[in-house]
Structures are given as structure tokens and as C-alpha cells.
Amino acid sequence: MEESQKPQHKVKPRFQPRGCAILHEDQDIIVVEKVSGLLTMGSDRERTKTAYQHVTHYVKKGNPRSKNRIFIVHRLDKDTSGVLVFAKTEAAKIFLQTEWQSFSKTYIAVVEGKLDKKEGIIESYLTENSIHRVFSVKNPNKGKYAKTGYKVIRESKYFSMLEINLFTGRKNQIRVHFSEHGHPVAGDKVYGIKGKGVKRLALHSASLTIQHPFTKKEMTFETNTPGFFKQLMK
């Protein structure tokens, strides 16, 4: 049985964790919609302004002595917006991470140009260099297998909007796959075309279907496509 969860926003805005709108919360998981520009977890340069810290503060209700905590299950790139899941127990985290590859993950992206093939699969082996840039290699022993499915759902003069099915969840996978195929995600400052003037990365985690770690029910969390993406397609 599938239980669909659309944005609920039952928590009053002033009580929402900064940069994260709560989509669902129970004793095992908390699901949020993360804004673009917010790290999922800390880095060497930034440790406090992250979704993890903001949601931690929320579950502790502002009490640093509270034993309530969250666990990171997966991550979204800093400039990617959309559905993000945290576990509230270590057991829930382990279950979700173990089953992660079997869950359905749908993204919406706006990429540069028009694709000749309007629907398809991109597969490669991804690795990372010393400056943390991800790229594909031919040798399967030197990279991790990555598989991305896509379908063009809208086109304009300069851009294409895609619905993307993420079969695997490698670092920067979508961005690298489309960049290497000549259609980088709009606004990508690392793998894309510089100087285009696109204000943010046009990549959004639109829908996520998981199995609940305790009830084992299938749950789908959905978010709306950012208005900025639609503006690009005019």
C-alpha cells in the first residue's frame, strides 16, 4: 500500500527549521524540502549553516540538552533543492541506507540545449580527482557504477526540462552525466557553461518513494517544481 505525502506545512512557518519545510514527521523519520544554497551536512568551510544543524535544532526544540537527534541518510548537493530524509534513530538510518538503491528517486532538471534523444539511459563509472571533481572512466575497477534515466518533458529555444530517474545515487551523478553528454544542468558553476547568468542550479529532487523503516509501508513524498525552472523555459 502506498501512502502519498505532499507538502503539508502543518508546522507554523516561524517554527520550521531554517531553509527546510517539513513534509512529514513521525517517531522514526523526518522529511523536509531543502532550499537551494544550503548544505545538507557540514564541510571544512561551513559547519553550522546546514540542513542537518537546522533540523537538529528543530527536533531539540531549542534545548541543547535534549537527547533528541537526527541521523543523515543521504545528501543533496548544496545548490540542489527538494526532498531530503533524516532518520530519528540509528536503526531507521541503517534500514534506509541499506534499502536506498531500491527506492524511487525522481528529479526535475533544466539543461542547456535540446537533446537529440528525448528519452534514454546514461550509464558510466564515476570517480573523483584530488580537487573533488567527478568524472566518468571506462575502467569499472576505477569507478563506481552510475545509472541515470531521463525523459524530456518540455523544450524552449535554449533549454530542455527533464524528468530524471536516479537509479544509483553517486556524488554529482546527474550533473556529470548530462555535462559529459553536452547538456549541462543550467546554472552549474562546476560542470556547466560559465557566464550564462542563470542564478541557481536548475536541479530539484521532486519526488522520493521509500519504505518506512518501522511500518514497512511505501511512502511517497512530492514537491512542486520551482517557479524559477518554469521561467527558464519561457
Protein backbone atom coordinates (compact mmCIF):
# COMPACT_ATOMS: atom_id res chain seq x y z
CA MET A 1 0.00 0.00 0.00
CA GLU A 2 1.40 3.37 -0.99
CA GLU A 3 0.89 6.44 1.11
CA SER A 4 1.45 9.72 -0.75
CA GLN A 5 2.79 12.67 1.19
CA LYS A 6 2.53 16.09 -0.45
CA PRO A 7 3.83 19.27 1.20
CA GLN A 8 1.85 19.61 4.42
CA HIS A 9 3.40 22.61 6.20
CA LYS A 10 1.39 21.87 9.33
CA VAL A 11 4.19 23.38 11.38
CA LYS A 12 3.80 27.16 11.52
CA PRO A 13 6.42 28.94 9.37
CA ARG A 14 8.17 30.55 12.33
CA PHE A 15 8.76 27.10 13.86
CA GLN A 16 10.07 25.47 10.68
CA PRO A 17 13.81 24.70 10.59
CA ARG A 18 15.63 27.37 8.58
CA GLY A 19 15.83 26.53 4.90
CA CYS A 20 13.75 23.37 5.34
CA ALA A 21 9.97 22.95 5.05
CA ILE A 22 8.70 19.88 6.89
CA LEU A 23 6.85 17.43 4.63
CA HIS A 24 6.43 14.60 7.14
CA GLU A 25 7.49 13.75 10.67
CA ASP A 26 6.98 10.73 12.91
CA GLN A 27 8.99 8.97 15.61
CA ASP A 28 11.33 7.31 13.09
CA ILE A 29 11.90 9.81 10.26
CA ILE A 30 11.63 13.48 9.37
CA VAL A 31 11.30 14.52 5.73
CA VAL A 32 11.92 18.09 4.58
CA GLU A 33 12.12 20.15 1.41
CA LYS A 34 15.56 21.78 1.37
CA VAL A 35 16.16 25.10 -0.34
CA SER A 36 18.92 25.66 -2.89
CA GLY A 37 22.10 27.13 -1.39
CA LEU A 38 22.01 25.13 1.86
CA LEU A 39 24.46 22.32 2.58
CA THR A 40 22.99 19.01 3.71
CA MET A 41 25.85 18.43 6.15
CA GLY A 42 28.94 20.27 7.35
CA SER A 43 32.09 20.84 5.33
CA ASP A 44 35.56 22.15 6.15
CA ARG A 45 34.35 25.67 5.33
CA GLU A 46 30.87 25.55 6.86
CA ARG A 47 29.73 23.52 9.86
CA THR A 48 26.71 25.37 11.25
CA LYS A 49 24.60 26.65 8.33
CA THR A 50 23.44 23.22 7.17
CA ALA A 51 20.16 21.35 6.88
CA TYR A 52 21.48 18.84 9.42
CA GLN A 53 22.15 21.53 12.03
CA HIS A 54 18.88 23.38 11.40
CA VAL A 55 16.76 20.21 11.64
CA THR A 56 18.73 19.08 14.71
CA HIS A 57 17.89 22.39 16.40
CA TYR A 58 14.24 21.87 15.44
CA VAL A 59 13.97 18.36 16.95
CA LYS A 60 15.72 19.54 20.11
CA LYS A 61 13.16 22.37 20.36
CA GLY A 62 15.96 24.80 21.10
CA ASN A 63 17.15 22.81 24.13
CA PRO A 64 20.83 21.85 23.65
CA ARG A 65 20.49 19.28 26.48
CA SER A 66 17.72 17.42 24.68
CA LYS A 67 18.55 13.83 23.75
CA ASN A 68 16.56 14.12 20.52
CA ARG A 69 18.76 13.81 17.47
CA ILE A 70 18.73 13.02 13.77
CA PHE A 71 20.88 10.85 11.52
CA ILE A 72 21.98 11.61 7.97
CA VAL A 73 20.59 9.07 5.48
CA HIS A 74 21.60 10.69 2.17
CA ARG A 75 22.57 14.11 0.88
CA LEU A 76 21.62 16.66 -1.72
CA ASP A 77 24.24 18.95 -3.24
CA LYS A 78 24.30 22.43 -1.72
CA ASP A 79 22.65 24.02 -4.76
CA THR A 80 20.12 21.21 -5.32
CA SER A 81 16.70 21.74 -3.74
CA GLY A 82 14.00 19.25 -2.85
CA VAL A 83 13.15 16.18 -0.78
CA LEU A 84 15.63 15.26 1.95
CA VAL A 85 15.15 12.50 4.54
CA PHE A 86 16.68 12.26 8.01
CA ALA A 87 16.31 9.34 10.41
CA LYS A 88 15.48 9.84 14.08
CA THR A 89 17.04 6.57 15.23
CA GLU A 90 20.17 4.69 14.24
CA ALA A 91 18.07 1.63 13.36
CA ALA A 92 15.99 3.73 10.94
CA LYS A 93 19.16 5.16 9.39
CA ILE A 94 20.66 1.71 8.83
CA PHE A 95 17.45 0.40 7.26
CA LEU A 96 17.03 3.37 4.91
CA GLN A 97 20.67 3.35 3.81
CA THR A 98 20.61 -0.41 3.24
CA GLU A 99 17.48 -0.16 1.07
CA TRP A 100 18.36 3.19 -0.56
CA GLN A 101 19.22 1.89 -4.03
CA SER A 102 15.79 0.20 -4.26
CA PHE A 103 13.85 3.42 -3.59
CA SER A 104 12.39 5.53 -6.42
CA LYS A 105 14.07 8.95 -6.76
CA THR A 106 12.74 11.45 -9.31
CA TYR A 107 14.40 14.77 -10.12
CA ILE A 108 13.43 17.68 -12.33
CA ALA A 109 16.26 19.47 -14.14
CA VAL A 110 16.65 22.16 -16.76
CA VAL A 111 19.64 21.50 -19.02
CA GLU A 112 21.35 23.50 -21.75
CA GLY A 113 20.19 22.95 -25.33
CA LYS A 114 17.95 20.33 -26.94
CA LEU A 115 18.61 16.61 -26.67
CA ASP A 116 18.52 14.56 -29.88
CA LYS A 117 17.30 11.54 -27.95
CA LYS A 118 14.22 12.58 -25.98
CA GLU A 119 14.27 9.62 -23.61
CA GLY A 120 17.05 7.30 -22.55
CA ILE A 121 19.53 5.86 -20.08
CA ILE A 122 23.03 7.15 -19.30
CA GLU A 123 25.46 4.71 -17.70
CA SER A 124 29.09 5.12 -16.68
CA TYR A 125 31.63 4.53 -13.93
CA LEU A 126 32.26 7.65 -11.86
CA THR A 127 35.40 8.57 -9.95
CA GLU A 128 36.72 11.71 -8.26
CA ASN A 129 40.03 13.54 -8.59
CA SER A 130 42.13 15.31 -5.95
CA ILE A 131 40.14 18.55 -6.26
CA HIS A 132 36.83 16.67 -5.75
CA ARG A 133 35.71 16.92 -9.36
CA VAL A 134 33.73 13.87 -10.51
CA PHE A 135 34.12 12.36 -13.98
CA SER A 136 33.47 9.13 -15.90
CA VAL A 137 36.08 6.46 -16.56
CA LYS A 138 35.92 3.40 -18.82
CA ASN A 139 37.60 1.03 -16.38
CA PRO A 140 34.94 -0.37 -13.99
CA ASN A 141 37.66 -1.11 -11.44
CA LYS A 142 38.47 2.60 -11.14
CA GLY A 143 34.97 3.99 -10.67
CA LYS A 144 31.52 3.36 -9.20
CA TYR A 145 28.68 2.30 -11.47
CA ALA A 146 26.13 5.07 -12.09
CA LYS A 147 22.84 4.86 -13.97
CA THR A 148 20.57 7.79 -14.85
CA GLY A 149 17.26 7.59 -16.72
CA TYR A 150 15.69 10.67 -18.29
CA LYS A 151 12.76 11.92 -20.35
CA VAL A 152 12.36 15.34 -21.96
CA ILE A 153 9.09 16.87 -20.75
CA ARG A 154 9.44 20.39 -22.18
CA GLU A 155 11.66 22.35 -24.55
CA SER A 156 12.37 26.02 -25.22
CA LYS A 157 14.76 27.79 -27.56
CA TYR A 158 17.77 27.37 -25.27
CA PHE A 159 16.81 24.79 -22.63
CA SER A 160 15.19 21.40 -22.05
CA MET A 161 13.30 20.37 -18.91
CA LEU A 162 13.87 16.75 -17.93
CA GLU A 163 12.27 14.25 -15.61
CA ILE A 164 15.13 12.16 -14.25
CA ASN A 165 15.05 8.75 -12.59
CA LEU A 166 18.11 8.27 -10.40
CA PHE A 167 18.79 4.52 -10.36
CA THR A 168 22.00 4.97 -8.36
CA GLY A 169 23.00 7.82 -6.08
CA ARG A 170 26.60 8.77 -6.80
CA LYS A 171 28.09 12.15 -5.97
CA ASN A 172 27.20 14.78 -8.63
CA GLN A 173 25.85 11.96 -10.81
CA ILE A 174 23.15 13.87 -12.70
CA ARG A 175 25.34 16.93 -13.20
CA VAL A 176 28.28 14.91 -14.53
CA HIS A 177 26.23 12.65 -16.80
CA PHE A 178 24.49 15.49 -18.61
CA SER A 179 27.59 17.67 -18.75
CA GLU A 180 29.57 14.88 -20.38
CA HIS A 181 26.76 14.43 -22.92
CA GLY A 182 26.93 18.09 -23.91
CA HIS A 183 23.87 19.28 -21.98
CA PRO A 184 25.00 20.54 -18.56
CA VAL A 185 22.43 21.46 -15.94
CA ALA A 186 21.62 25.17 -16.21
CA GLY A 187 23.38 27.23 -13.56
CA ASP A 188 26.05 24.59 -12.84
CA LYS A 189 29.19 26.56 -11.97
CA VAL A 190 31.38 23.45 -11.79
CA TYR A 191 30.33 21.22 -14.69
CA GLY A 192 28.38 23.74 -16.74
CA ILE A 193 28.75 26.73 -19.01
CA LYS A 194 30.12 29.78 -17.20
CA GLY A 195 28.78 33.26 -17.76
CA LYS A 196 25.22 32.22 -18.65
CA GLY A 197 23.71 34.35 -15.88
CA VAL A 198 21.45 31.59 -14.51
CA LYS A 199 21.00 32.45 -10.84
CA ARG A 200 20.93 28.93 -9.35
CA LEU A 201 21.47 25.28 -10.21
CA ALA A 202 18.35 24.07 -12.02
CA LEU A 203 18.18 20.69 -10.28
CA HIS A 204 15.39 19.68 -7.90
CA SER A 205 14.62 16.47 -6.01
CA ALA A 206 10.93 16.36 -6.89
CA SER A 207 9.75 13.00 -5.57
CA LEU A 208 11.02 10.23 -3.33
CA THR A 209 9.37 6.89 -2.59
CA ILE A 210 10.68 4.92 0.38
CA GLN A 211 9.65 2.04 2.59
CA HIS A 212 9.04 3.24 6.13
CA PRO A 213 11.71 1.73 8.42
CA PHE A 214 9.18 0.66 11.08
CA THR A 215 5.74 0.21 9.49
CA LYS A 216 7.26 -1.01 6.18
CA LYS A 217 4.57 0.95 4.30
CA GLU A 218 5.53 2.52 0.99
CA MET A 219 5.52 6.32 1.29
CA THR A 220 5.90 8.90 -1.47
CA PHE A 221 6.93 12.50 -0.79
CA GLU A 222 6.36 15.04 -3.56
CA THR A 223 7.28 18.69 -4.04
CA ASN A 224 6.44 21.29 -6.66
CA THR A 225 8.80 22.28 -9.46
CA PRO A 226 10.47 25.61 -8.53
CA GLY A 227 8.96 28.58 -10.34
CA PHE A 228 12.44 29.60 -11.48
CA PHE A 229 12.66 26.47 -13.64
CA LYS A 230 9.44 27.45 -15.41
CA GLN A 231 10.78 30.95 -16.02
CA LEU A 232 13.82 29.48 -17.77
CA MET A 233 11.54 27.58 -20.14
CA LYS A 234 9.68 30.66 -21.41
